[in-house]
Amino acid sequence: MGECVLSLINREKMQITGVNNVASYDEAEIVIQTVLGILVVKGAGMHITNLNLEDGNLTVDGYINKLEFSEDKGAKLRDKSKGIFSRLIR
């Protein structure tokens, strides 16, 4: 697992490393897939000013009022279903 570093400056600029993908984006919410799971950023007037998926870097400008990490539920379901299939094959 790689490293994820998050920097928030005055709630107006966020820089993050360890970004794998941006799943969805608008001015009020950005959903980011990171090496640590899903990061949901909520705010107002947000704009992605830099995105480099090769380096895993993302910069967001705008008013940020909530950051929330959650598990990658899709990966968890895939792992669980893999376990069920492996038990059925035995």
PDB file of N, CA and C in Angstrom:
ATOM      1  N   MET A   1       0.854  -1.169   0.000  1.00  0.00           N
ATOM      2  CA  MET A   1       0.000   0.000   0.000  1.00  0.00           C
ATOM      3  C   MET A   1       0.897   1.229   0.000  1.00  0.00           C
ATOM      4  N   GLY A   2       0.561   2.211  -0.818  1.00  0.00           N
ATOM      5  CA  GLY A   2       1.320   3.441  -0.904  1.00  0.00           C
ATOM      6  C   GLY A   2       0.956   4.419   0.193  1.00  0.00           C
ATOM      7  N   GLU A   3       1.555   5.575   0.119  1.00  0.00           N
ATOM      8  CA  GLU A   3       1.335   6.608   1.114  1.00  0.00           C
ATOM      9  C   GLU A   3       0.327   7.633   0.612  1.00  0.00           C
ATOM     10  N   CYS A   4      -0.495   8.132   1.518  1.00  0.00           N
ATOM     11  CA  CYS A   4      -1.474   9.164   1.195  1.00  0.00           C
ATOM     12  C   CYS A   4      -1.225  10.342   2.129  1.00  0.00           C
ATOM     13  N   VAL A   5      -0.880  11.503   1.551  1.00  0.00           N
ATOM     14  CA  VAL A   5      -0.622  12.709   2.338  1.00  0.00           C
ATOM     15  C   VAL A   5      -1.651  13.755   1.932  1.00  0.00           C
ATOM     16  N   LEU A   6      -2.320  14.335   2.928  1.00  0.00           N
ATOM     17  CA  LEU A   6      -3.350  15.327   2.676  1.00  0.00           C
ATOM     18  C   LEU A   6      -2.961  16.629   3.370  1.00  0.00           C
ATOM     19  N   SER A   7      -3.007  17.731   2.615  1.00  0.00           N
ATOM     20  CA  SER A   7      -2.702  19.056   3.151  1.00  0.00           C
ATOM     21  C   SER A   7      -3.881  19.969   2.855  1.00  0.00           C
ATOM     22  N   LEU A   8      -4.400  20.625   3.896  1.00  0.00           N
ATOM     23  CA  LEU A   8      -5.524  21.539   3.742  1.00  0.00           C
ATOM     24  C   LEU A   8      -5.090  22.906   4.252  1.00  0.00           C
ATOM     25  N   ILE A   9      -5.150  23.909   3.384  1.00  0.00           N
ATOM     26  CA  ILE A   9      -4.690  25.258   3.717  1.00  0.00           C
ATOM     27  C   ILE A   9      -5.891  26.186   3.794  1.00  0.00           C
ATOM     28  N   ASN A  10      -6.179  26.688   5.010  1.00  0.00           N
ATOM     29  CA  ASN A  10      -7.271  27.645   5.246  1.00  0.00           C
ATOM     30  C   ASN A  10      -8.617  27.187   4.692  1.00  0.00           C
ATOM     31  N   ARG A  11      -8.831  25.903   4.592  1.00  0.00           N
ATOM     32  CA  ARG A  11     -10.072  25.330   4.050  1.00  0.00           C
ATOM     33  C   ARG A  11     -10.368  25.803   2.636  1.00  0.00           C
ATOM     34  N   GLU A  12      -9.355  26.335   1.937  1.00  0.00           N
ATOM     35  CA  GLU A  12      -9.550  26.848   0.582  1.00  0.00           C
ATOM     36  C   GLU A  12      -8.696  26.140  -0.463  1.00  0.00           C
ATOM     37  N   LYS A  13      -7.708  25.371  -0.027  1.00  0.00           N
ATOM     38  CA  LYS A  13      -6.854  24.655  -0.971  1.00  0.00           C
ATOM     39  C   LYS A  13      -6.457  23.322  -0.343  1.00  0.00           C
ATOM     40  N   MET A  14      -6.672  22.241  -1.100  1.00  0.00           N
ATOM     41  CA  MET A  14      -6.307  20.914  -0.635  1.00  0.00           C
ATOM     42  C   MET A  14      -5.352  20.283  -1.635  1.00  0.00           C
ATOM     43  N   GLN A  15      -4.283  19.723  -1.117  1.00  0.00           N
ATOM     44  CA  GLN A  15      -3.356  18.957  -1.927  1.00  0.00           C
ATOM     45  C   GLN A  15      -3.293  17.558  -1.340  1.00  0.00           C
ATOM     46  N   ILE A  16      -3.350  16.554  -2.213  1.00  0.00           N
ATOM     47  CA  ILE A  16      -3.349  15.176  -1.746  1.00  0.00           C
ATOM     48  C   ILE A  16      -2.497  14.315  -2.673  1.00  0.00           C
ATOM     49  N   THR A  17      -1.759  13.390  -2.071  1.00  0.00           N
ATOM     50  CA  THR A  17      -1.000  12.402  -2.825  1.00  0.00           C
ATOM     51  C   THR A  17      -1.613  11.029  -2.562  1.00  0.00           C
ATOM     52  N   GLY A  18      -1.271  10.060  -3.373  1.00  0.00           N
ATOM     53  CA  GLY A  18      -1.829   8.721  -3.225  1.00  0.00           C
ATOM     54  C   GLY A  18      -3.167   8.572  -3.916  1.00  0.00           C
ATOM     55  N   VAL A  19      -3.423   9.411  -4.932  1.00  0.00           N
ATOM     56  CA  VAL A  19      -4.690   9.388  -5.659  1.00  0.00           C
ATOM     57  C   VAL A  19      -4.605   8.371  -6.800  1.00  0.00           C
ATOM     58  N   ASN A  20      -5.586   7.472  -6.853  1.00  0.00           N
ATOM     59  CA  ASN A  20      -5.667   6.500  -7.945  1.00  0.00           C
ATOM     60  C   ASN A  20      -6.610   6.953  -9.048  1.00  0.00           C
ATOM     61  N   ASN A  21      -7.709   7.637  -8.662  1.00  0.00           N
ATOM     62  CA  ASN A  21      -8.713   8.036  -9.633  1.00  0.00           C
ATOM     63  C   ASN A  21      -9.657   9.052  -9.002  1.00  0.00           C
ATOM     64  N   VAL A  22     -10.301   9.856  -9.831  1.00  0.00           N
ATOM     65  CA  VAL A  22     -11.390  10.721  -9.385  1.00  0.00           C
ATOM     66  C   VAL A  22     -12.671  10.096  -9.921  1.00  0.00           C
ATOM     67  N   ALA A  23     -13.489   9.553  -9.012  1.00  0.00           N
ATOM     68  CA  ALA A  23     -14.686   8.825  -9.418  1.00  0.00           C
ATOM     69  C   ALA A  23     -15.793   9.763  -9.882  1.00  0.00           C
ATOM     70  N   SER A  24     -15.964  10.901  -9.197  1.00  0.00           N
ATOM     71  CA  SER A  24     -16.958  11.889  -9.621  1.00  0.00           C
ATOM     72  C   SER A  24     -16.543  13.253  -9.096  1.00  0.00           C
ATOM     73  N   TYR A  25     -17.072  14.279  -9.770  1.00  0.00           N
ATOM     74  CA  TYR A  25     -16.641  15.627  -9.431  1.00  0.00           C
ATOM     75  C   TYR A  25     -17.701  16.645  -9.830  1.00  0.00           C
ATOM     76  N   ASP A  26     -18.037  17.536  -8.920  1.00  0.00           N
ATOM     77  CA  ASP A  26     -18.766  18.761  -9.242  1.00  0.00           C
ATOM     78  C   ASP A  26     -18.341  19.809  -8.210  1.00  0.00           C
ATOM     79  N   GLU A  27     -18.939  20.991  -8.266  1.00  0.00           N
ATOM     80  CA  GLU A  27     -18.492  22.083  -7.392  1.00  0.00           C
ATOM     81  C   GLU A  27     -18.806  21.840  -5.925  1.00  0.00           C
ATOM     82  N   ALA A  28     -19.716  20.903  -5.620  1.00  0.00           N
ATOM     83  CA  ALA A  28     -20.120  20.645  -4.240  1.00  0.00           C
ATOM     84  C   ALA A  28     -19.522  19.371  -3.650  1.00  0.00           C
ATOM     85  N   GLU A  29     -19.119  18.414  -4.502  1.00  0.00           N
ATOM     86  CA  GLU A  29     -18.620  17.138  -3.986  1.00  0.00           C
ATOM     87  C   GLU A  29     -17.628  16.522  -4.967  1.00  0.00           C
ATOM     88  N   ILE A  30     -16.536  15.999  -4.409  1.00  0.00           N
ATOM     89  CA  ILE A  30     -15.540  15.274  -5.194  1.00  0.00           C
ATOM     90  C   ILE A  30     -15.323  13.926  -4.512  1.00  0.00           C
ATOM     91  N   VAL A  31     -15.432  12.843  -5.277  1.00  0.00           N
ATOM     92  CA  VAL A  31     -15.207  11.498  -4.759  1.00  0.00           C
ATOM     93  C   VAL A  31     -13.899  10.991  -5.366  1.00  0.00           C
ATOM     94  N   ILE A  32     -12.937  10.700  -4.481  1.00  0.00           N
ATOM     95  CA  ILE A  32     -11.575  10.368  -4.907  1.00  0.00           C
ATOM     96  C   ILE A  32     -11.232   8.962  -4.434  1.00  0.00           C
ATOM     97  N   GLN A  33     -10.699   8.145  -5.337  1.00  0.00           N
ATOM     98  CA  GLN A  33     -10.185   6.833  -4.958  1.00  0.00           C
ATOM     99  C   GLN A  33      -8.709   6.994  -4.629  1.00  0.00           C
ATOM    100  N   THR A  34      -8.349   6.701  -3.373  1.00  0.00           N
ATOM    101  CA  THR A  34      -6.956   6.827  -2.929  1.00  0.00           C
ATOM    102  C   THR A  34      -6.417   5.456  -2.546  1.00  0.00           C
ATOM    103  N   VAL A  35      -5.139   5.413  -2.226  1.00  0.00           N
ATOM    104  CA  VAL A  35      -4.527   4.158  -1.802  1.00  0.00           C
ATOM    105  C   VAL A  35      -5.069   3.693  -0.450  1.00  0.00           C
ATOM    106  N   LEU A  36      -5.733   4.591   0.297  1.00  0.00           N
ATOM    107  CA  LEU A  36      -6.300   4.243   1.600  1.00  0.00           C
ATOM    108  C   LEU A  36      -7.805   4.022   1.549  1.00  0.00           C
ATOM    109  N   GLY A  37      -8.412   4.117   0.378  1.00  0.00           N
ATOM    110  CA  GLY A  37      -9.852   3.954   0.240  1.00  0.00           C
ATOM    111  C   GLY A  37     -10.477   5.173  -0.412  1.00  0.00           C
ATOM    112  N   ILE A  38     -11.770   5.297  -0.263  1.00  0.00           N
ATOM    113  CA  ILE A  38     -12.524   6.381  -0.889  1.00  0.00           C
ATOM    114  C   ILE A  38     -12.479   7.610   0.011  1.00  0.00           C
ATOM    115  N   LEU A  39     -12.196   8.767  -0.588  1.00  0.00           N
ATOM    116  CA  LEU A  39     -12.226  10.045   0.114  1.00  0.00           C
ATOM    117  C   LEU A  39     -13.304  10.900  -0.529  1.00  0.00           C
ATOM    118  N   VAL A  40     -14.279  11.338   0.280  1.00  0.00           N
ATOM    119  CA  VAL A  40     -15.338  12.227  -0.194  1.00  0.00           C
ATOM    120  C   VAL A  40     -15.049  13.612   0.357  1.00  0.00           C
ATOM    121  N   VAL A  41     -14.955  14.588  -0.544  1.00  0.00           N
ATOM    122  CA  VAL A  41     -14.695  15.974  -0.176  1.00  0.00           C
ATOM    123  C   VAL A  41     -15.941  16.771  -0.500  1.00  0.00           C
ATOM    124  N   LYS A  42     -16.463  17.497   0.493  1.00  0.00           N
ATOM    125  CA  LYS A  42     -17.663  18.310   0.271  1.00  0.00           C
ATOM    126  C   LYS A  42     -17.325  19.763   0.546  1.00  0.00           C
ATOM    127  N   GLY A  43     -17.968  20.646  -0.224  1.00  0.00           N
ATOM    128  CA  GLY A  43     -17.730  22.065  -0.063  1.00  0.00           C
ATOM    129  C   GLY A  43     -18.552  22.864  -1.050  1.00  0.00           C
ATOM    130  N   ALA A  44     -18.001  24.018  -1.454  1.00  0.00           N
ATOM    131  CA  ALA A  44     -18.699  24.894  -2.404  1.00  0.00           C
ATOM    132  C   ALA A  44     -17.670  25.533  -3.326  1.00  0.00           C
ATOM    133  N   GLY A  45     -18.037  25.664  -4.589  1.00  0.00           N
ATOM    134  CA  GLY A  45     -17.162  26.306  -5.554  1.00  0.00           C
ATOM    135  C   GLY A  45     -15.835  25.603  -5.751  1.00  0.00           C
ATOM    136  N   MET A  46     -15.823  24.287  -5.591  1.00  0.00           N
ATOM    137  CA  MET A  46     -14.561  23.536  -5.708  1.00  0.00           C
ATOM    138  C   MET A  46     -14.213  23.281  -7.177  1.00  0.00           C
ATOM    139  N   HIS A  47     -12.920  23.398  -7.452  1.00  0.00           N
ATOM    140  CA  HIS A  47     -12.391  23.147  -8.788  1.00  0.00           C
ATOM    141  C   HIS A  47     -11.104  22.355  -8.658  1.00  0.00           C
ATOM    142  N   ILE A  48     -10.943  21.360  -9.509  1.00  0.00           N
ATOM    143  CA  ILE A  48      -9.682  20.614  -9.565  1.00  0.00           C
ATOM    144  C   ILE A  48      -8.720  21.442 -10.408  1.00  0.00           C
ATOM    145  N   THR A  49      -7.653  21.913  -9.772  1.00  0.00           N
ATOM    146  CA  THR A  49      -6.685  22.742 -10.497  1.00  0.00           C
ATOM    147  C   THR A  49      -5.485  21.945 -10.975  1.00  0.00           C
ATOM    148  N   ASN A  50      -5.273  20.753 -10.396  1.00  0.00           N
ATOM    149  CA  ASN A  50      -4.178  19.900 -10.840  1.00  0.00           C
ATOM    150  C   ASN A  50      -4.562  18.451 -10.567  1.00  0.00           C
ATOM    151  N   LEU A  51      -4.419  17.605 -11.587  1.00  0.00           N
ATOM    152  CA  LEU A  51      -4.646  16.176 -11.441  1.00  0.00           C
ATOM    153  C   LEU A  51      -3.604  15.445 -12.261  1.00  0.00           C
ATOM    154  N   ASN A  52      -2.764  14.662 -11.578  1.00  0.00           N
ATOM    155  CA  ASN A  52      -1.748  13.865 -12.241  1.00  0.00           C
ATOM    156  C   ASN A  52      -1.842  12.456 -11.674  1.00  0.00           C
ATOM    157  N   LEU A  53      -2.533  11.567 -12.390  1.00  0.00           N
ATOM    158  CA  LEU A  53      -2.741  10.213 -11.895  1.00  0.00           C
ATOM    159  C   LEU A  53      -1.475   9.371 -11.962  1.00  0.00           C
ATOM    160  N   GLU A  54      -0.549   9.722 -12.854  1.00  0.00           N
ATOM    161  CA  GLU A  54       0.715   8.992 -12.907  1.00  0.00           C
ATOM    162  C   GLU A  54       1.498   9.164 -11.621  1.00  0.00           C
ATOM    163  N   ASP A  55       1.511  10.395 -11.095  1.00  0.00           N
ATOM    164  CA  ASP A  55       2.201  10.676  -9.833  1.00  0.00           C
ATOM    165  C   ASP A  55       1.281  10.534  -8.631  1.00  0.00           C
ATOM    166  N   GLY A  56      -0.040  10.476  -8.864  1.00  0.00           N
ATOM    167  CA  GLY A  56      -1.004  10.344  -7.787  1.00  0.00           C
ATOM    168  C   GLY A  56      -1.282  11.638  -7.044  1.00  0.00           C
ATOM    169  N   ASN A  57      -1.141  12.780  -7.728  1.00  0.00           N
ATOM    170  CA  ASN A  57      -1.318  14.081  -7.091  1.00  0.00           C
ATOM    171  C   ASN A  57      -2.604  14.760  -7.540  1.00  0.00           C
ATOM    172  N   LEU A  58      -3.244  15.453  -6.588  1.00  0.00           N
ATOM    173  CA  LEU A  58      -4.475  16.184  -6.859  1.00  0.00           C
ATOM    174  C   LEU A  58      -4.458  17.475  -6.053  1.00  0.00           C
ATOM    175  N   THR A  59      -4.862  18.579  -6.688  1.00  0.00           N
ATOM    176  CA  THR A  59      -5.013  19.860  -6.009  1.00  0.00           C
ATOM    177  C   THR A  59      -6.424  20.373  -6.264  1.00  0.00           C
ATOM    178  N   VAL A  60      -7.094  20.803  -5.195  1.00  0.00           N
ATOM    179  CA  VAL A  60      -8.453  21.319  -5.273  1.00  0.00           C
ATOM    180  C   VAL A  60      -8.473  22.711  -4.658  1.00  0.00           C
ATOM    181  N   ASP A  61      -9.082  23.668  -5.361  1.00  0.00           N
ATOM    182  CA  ASP A  61      -9.311  25.012  -4.828  1.00  0.00           C
ATOM    183  C   ASP A  61     -10.803  25.196  -4.632  1.00  0.00           C
ATOM    184  N   GLY A  62     -11.188  25.955  -3.603  1.00  0.00           N
ATOM    185  CA  GLY A  62     -12.588  26.217  -3.299  1.00  0.00           C
ATOM    186  C   GLY A  62     -12.796  26.108  -1.806  1.00  0.00           C
ATOM    187  N   TYR A  63     -14.012  26.291  -1.352  1.00  0.00           N
ATOM    188  CA  TYR A  63     -14.314  26.198   0.068  1.00  0.00           C
ATOM    189  C   TYR A  63     -14.584  24.743   0.432  1.00  0.00           C
ATOM    190  N   ILE A  64     -13.784  24.185   1.325  1.00  0.00           N
ATOM    191  CA  ILE A  64     -13.896  22.780   1.723  1.00  0.00           C
ATOM    192  C   ILE A  64     -14.423  22.728   3.147  1.00  0.00           C
ATOM    193  N   ASN A  65     -15.538  22.017   3.341  1.00  0.00           N
ATOM    194  CA  ASN A  65     -16.088  21.947   4.693  1.00  0.00           C
ATOM    195  C   ASN A  65     -16.212  20.536   5.252  1.00  0.00           C
ATOM    196  N   LYS A  66     -15.904  19.503   4.450  1.00  0.00           N
ATOM    197  CA  LYS A  66     -15.975  18.138   4.985  1.00  0.00           C
ATOM    198  C   LYS A  66     -15.053  17.217   4.199  1.00  0.00           C
ATOM    199  N   LEU A  67     -14.288  16.413   4.933  1.00  0.00           N
ATOM    200  CA  LEU A  67     -13.455  15.353   4.369  1.00  0.00           C
ATOM    201  C   LEU A  67     -13.846  14.055   5.061  1.00  0.00           C
ATOM    202  N   GLU A  68     -14.137  13.026   4.278  1.00  0.00           N
ATOM    203  CA  GLU A  68     -14.562  11.765   4.886  1.00  0.00           C
ATOM    204  C   GLU A  68     -13.957  10.586   4.125  1.00  0.00           C
ATOM    205  N   PHE A  69     -13.170   9.776   4.846  1.00  0.00           N
ATOM    206  CA  PHE A  69     -12.654   8.540   4.281  1.00  0.00           C
ATOM    207  C   PHE A  69     -13.634   7.418   4.567  1.00  0.00           C
ATOM    208  N   SER A  70     -13.813   6.528   3.610  1.00  0.00           N
ATOM    209  CA  SER A  70     -14.618   5.332   3.820  1.00  0.00           C
ATOM    210  C   SER A  70     -13.947   4.179   3.107  1.00  0.00           C
ATOM    211  N   GLU A  71     -14.373   2.978   3.469  1.00  0.00           N
ATOM    212  CA  GLU A  71     -13.818   1.800   2.819  1.00  0.00           C
ATOM    213  C   GLU A  71     -14.258   1.743   1.371  1.00  0.00           C
ATOM    214  N   ASP A  72     -13.451   1.090   0.551  1.00  0.00           N
ATOM    215  CA  ASP A  72     -13.838   0.825  -0.832  1.00  0.00           C
ATOM    216  C   ASP A  72     -14.814  -0.339  -0.793  1.00  0.00           C
ATOM    217  N   LYS A  73     -16.112  -0.028  -0.740  1.00  0.00           N
ATOM    218  CA  LYS A  73     -17.138  -1.062  -0.583  1.00  0.00           C
ATOM    219  C   LYS A  73     -17.146  -2.036  -1.746  1.00  0.00           C
ATOM    220  N   GLY A  74     -16.824  -1.565  -2.930  1.00  0.00           N
ATOM    221  CA  GLY A  74     -16.772  -2.459  -4.086  1.00  0.00           C
ATOM    222  C   GLY A  74     -15.696  -3.519  -3.919  1.00  0.00           C
ATOM    223  N   ALA A  75     -14.528  -3.124  -3.438  1.00  0.00           N
ATOM    224  CA  ALA A  75     -13.444  -4.079  -3.220  1.00  0.00           C
ATOM    225  C   ALA A  75     -13.816  -5.065  -2.123  1.00  0.00           C
ATOM    226  N   LYS A  76     -14.459  -4.555  -1.075  1.00  0.00           N
ATOM    227  CA  LYS A  76     -14.866  -5.430   0.020  1.00  0.00           C
ATOM    228  C   LYS A  76     -15.874  -6.467  -0.467  1.00  0.00           C
ATOM    229  N   LEU A  77     -16.829  -6.051  -1.296  1.00  0.00           N
ATOM    230  CA  LEU A  77     -17.804  -6.991  -1.840  1.00  0.00           C
ATOM    231  C   LEU A  77     -17.140  -8.000  -2.763  1.00  0.00           C
ATOM    232  N   ARG A  78     -16.174  -7.546  -3.578  1.00  0.00           N
ATOM    233  CA  ARG A  78     -15.466  -8.470  -4.464  1.00  0.00           C
ATOM    234  C   ARG A  78     -14.722  -9.529  -3.652  1.00  0.00           C
ATOM    235  N   ASP A  79     -14.065  -9.104  -2.554  1.00  0.00           N
ATOM    236  CA  ASP A  79     -13.348 -10.050  -1.704  1.00  0.00           C
ATOM    237  C   ASP A  79     -14.311 -11.034  -1.065  1.00  0.00           C
ATOM    238  N   LYS A  80     -15.458 -10.552  -0.614  1.00  0.00           N
ATOM    239  CA  LYS A  80     -16.447 -11.407   0.034  1.00  0.00           C
ATOM    240  C   LYS A  80     -17.006 -12.413  -0.967  1.00  0.00           C
ATOM    241  N   SER A  81     -17.308 -11.972  -2.184  1.00  0.00           N
ATOM    242  CA  SER A  81     -17.860 -12.884  -3.180  1.00  0.00           C
ATOM    243  C   SER A  81     -16.819 -13.908  -3.614  1.00  0.00           C
ATOM    244  N   LYS A  82     -15.564 -13.506  -3.632  1.00  0.00           N
ATOM    245  CA  LYS A  82     -14.501 -14.443  -3.971  1.00  0.00           C
ATOM    246  C   LYS A  82     -14.464 -15.558  -2.939  1.00  0.00           C
ATOM    247  N   GLY A  83     -14.661 -15.216  -1.668  1.00  0.00           N
ATOM    248  CA  GLY A  83     -14.674 -16.211  -0.598  1.00  0.00           C
ATOM    249  C   GLY A  83     -15.835 -17.172  -0.745  1.00  0.00           C
ATOM    250  N   ILE A  84     -16.992 -16.674  -1.121  1.00  0.00           N
ATOM    251  CA  ILE A  84     -18.171 -17.522  -1.300  1.00  0.00           C
ATOM    252  C   ILE A  84     -17.941 -18.503  -2.445  1.00  0.00           C
ATOM    253  N   PHE A  85     -17.415 -18.015  -3.579  1.00  0.00           N
ATOM    254  CA  PHE A  85     -17.169 -18.891  -4.725  1.00  0.00           C
ATOM    255  C   PHE A  85     -16.108 -19.939  -4.410  1.00  0.00           C
ATOM    256  N   SER A  86     -15.080 -19.554  -3.694  1.00  0.00           N
ATOM    257  CA  SER A  86     -14.043 -20.534  -3.376  1.00  0.00           C
ATOM    258  C   SER A  86     -14.586 -21.623  -2.455  1.00  0.00           C
ATOM    259  N   ARG A  87     -15.510 -21.270  -1.568  1.00  0.00           N
ATOM    260  CA  ARG A  87     -16.115 -22.281  -0.693  1.00  0.00           C
ATOM    261  C   ARG A  87     -17.049 -23.196  -1.475  1.00  0.00           C
ATOM    262  N   LEU A  88     -17.739 -22.671  -2.494  1.00  0.00           N
ATOM    263  CA  LEU A  88     -18.643 -23.503  -3.289  1.00  0.00           C
ATOM    264  C   LEU A  88     -17.873 -24.505  -4.152  1.00  0.00           C
ATOM    265  N   ILE A  89     -16.706 -24.113  -4.602  1.00  0.00           N
ATOM    266  CA  ILE A  89     -15.925 -24.971  -5.499  1.00  0.00           C
ATOM    267  C   ILE A  89     -15.314 -26.147  -4.750  1.00  0.00           C
ATOM    268  N   ARG A  90     -15.076 -25.988  -3.476  1.00  0.00           N
ATOM    269  CA  ARG A  90     -14.437 -27.079  -2.691  1.00  0.00           C
ATOM    270  C   ARG A  90     -15.229 -28.324  -2.666  1.00  0.00           C
TER     271      ARG A  90
END
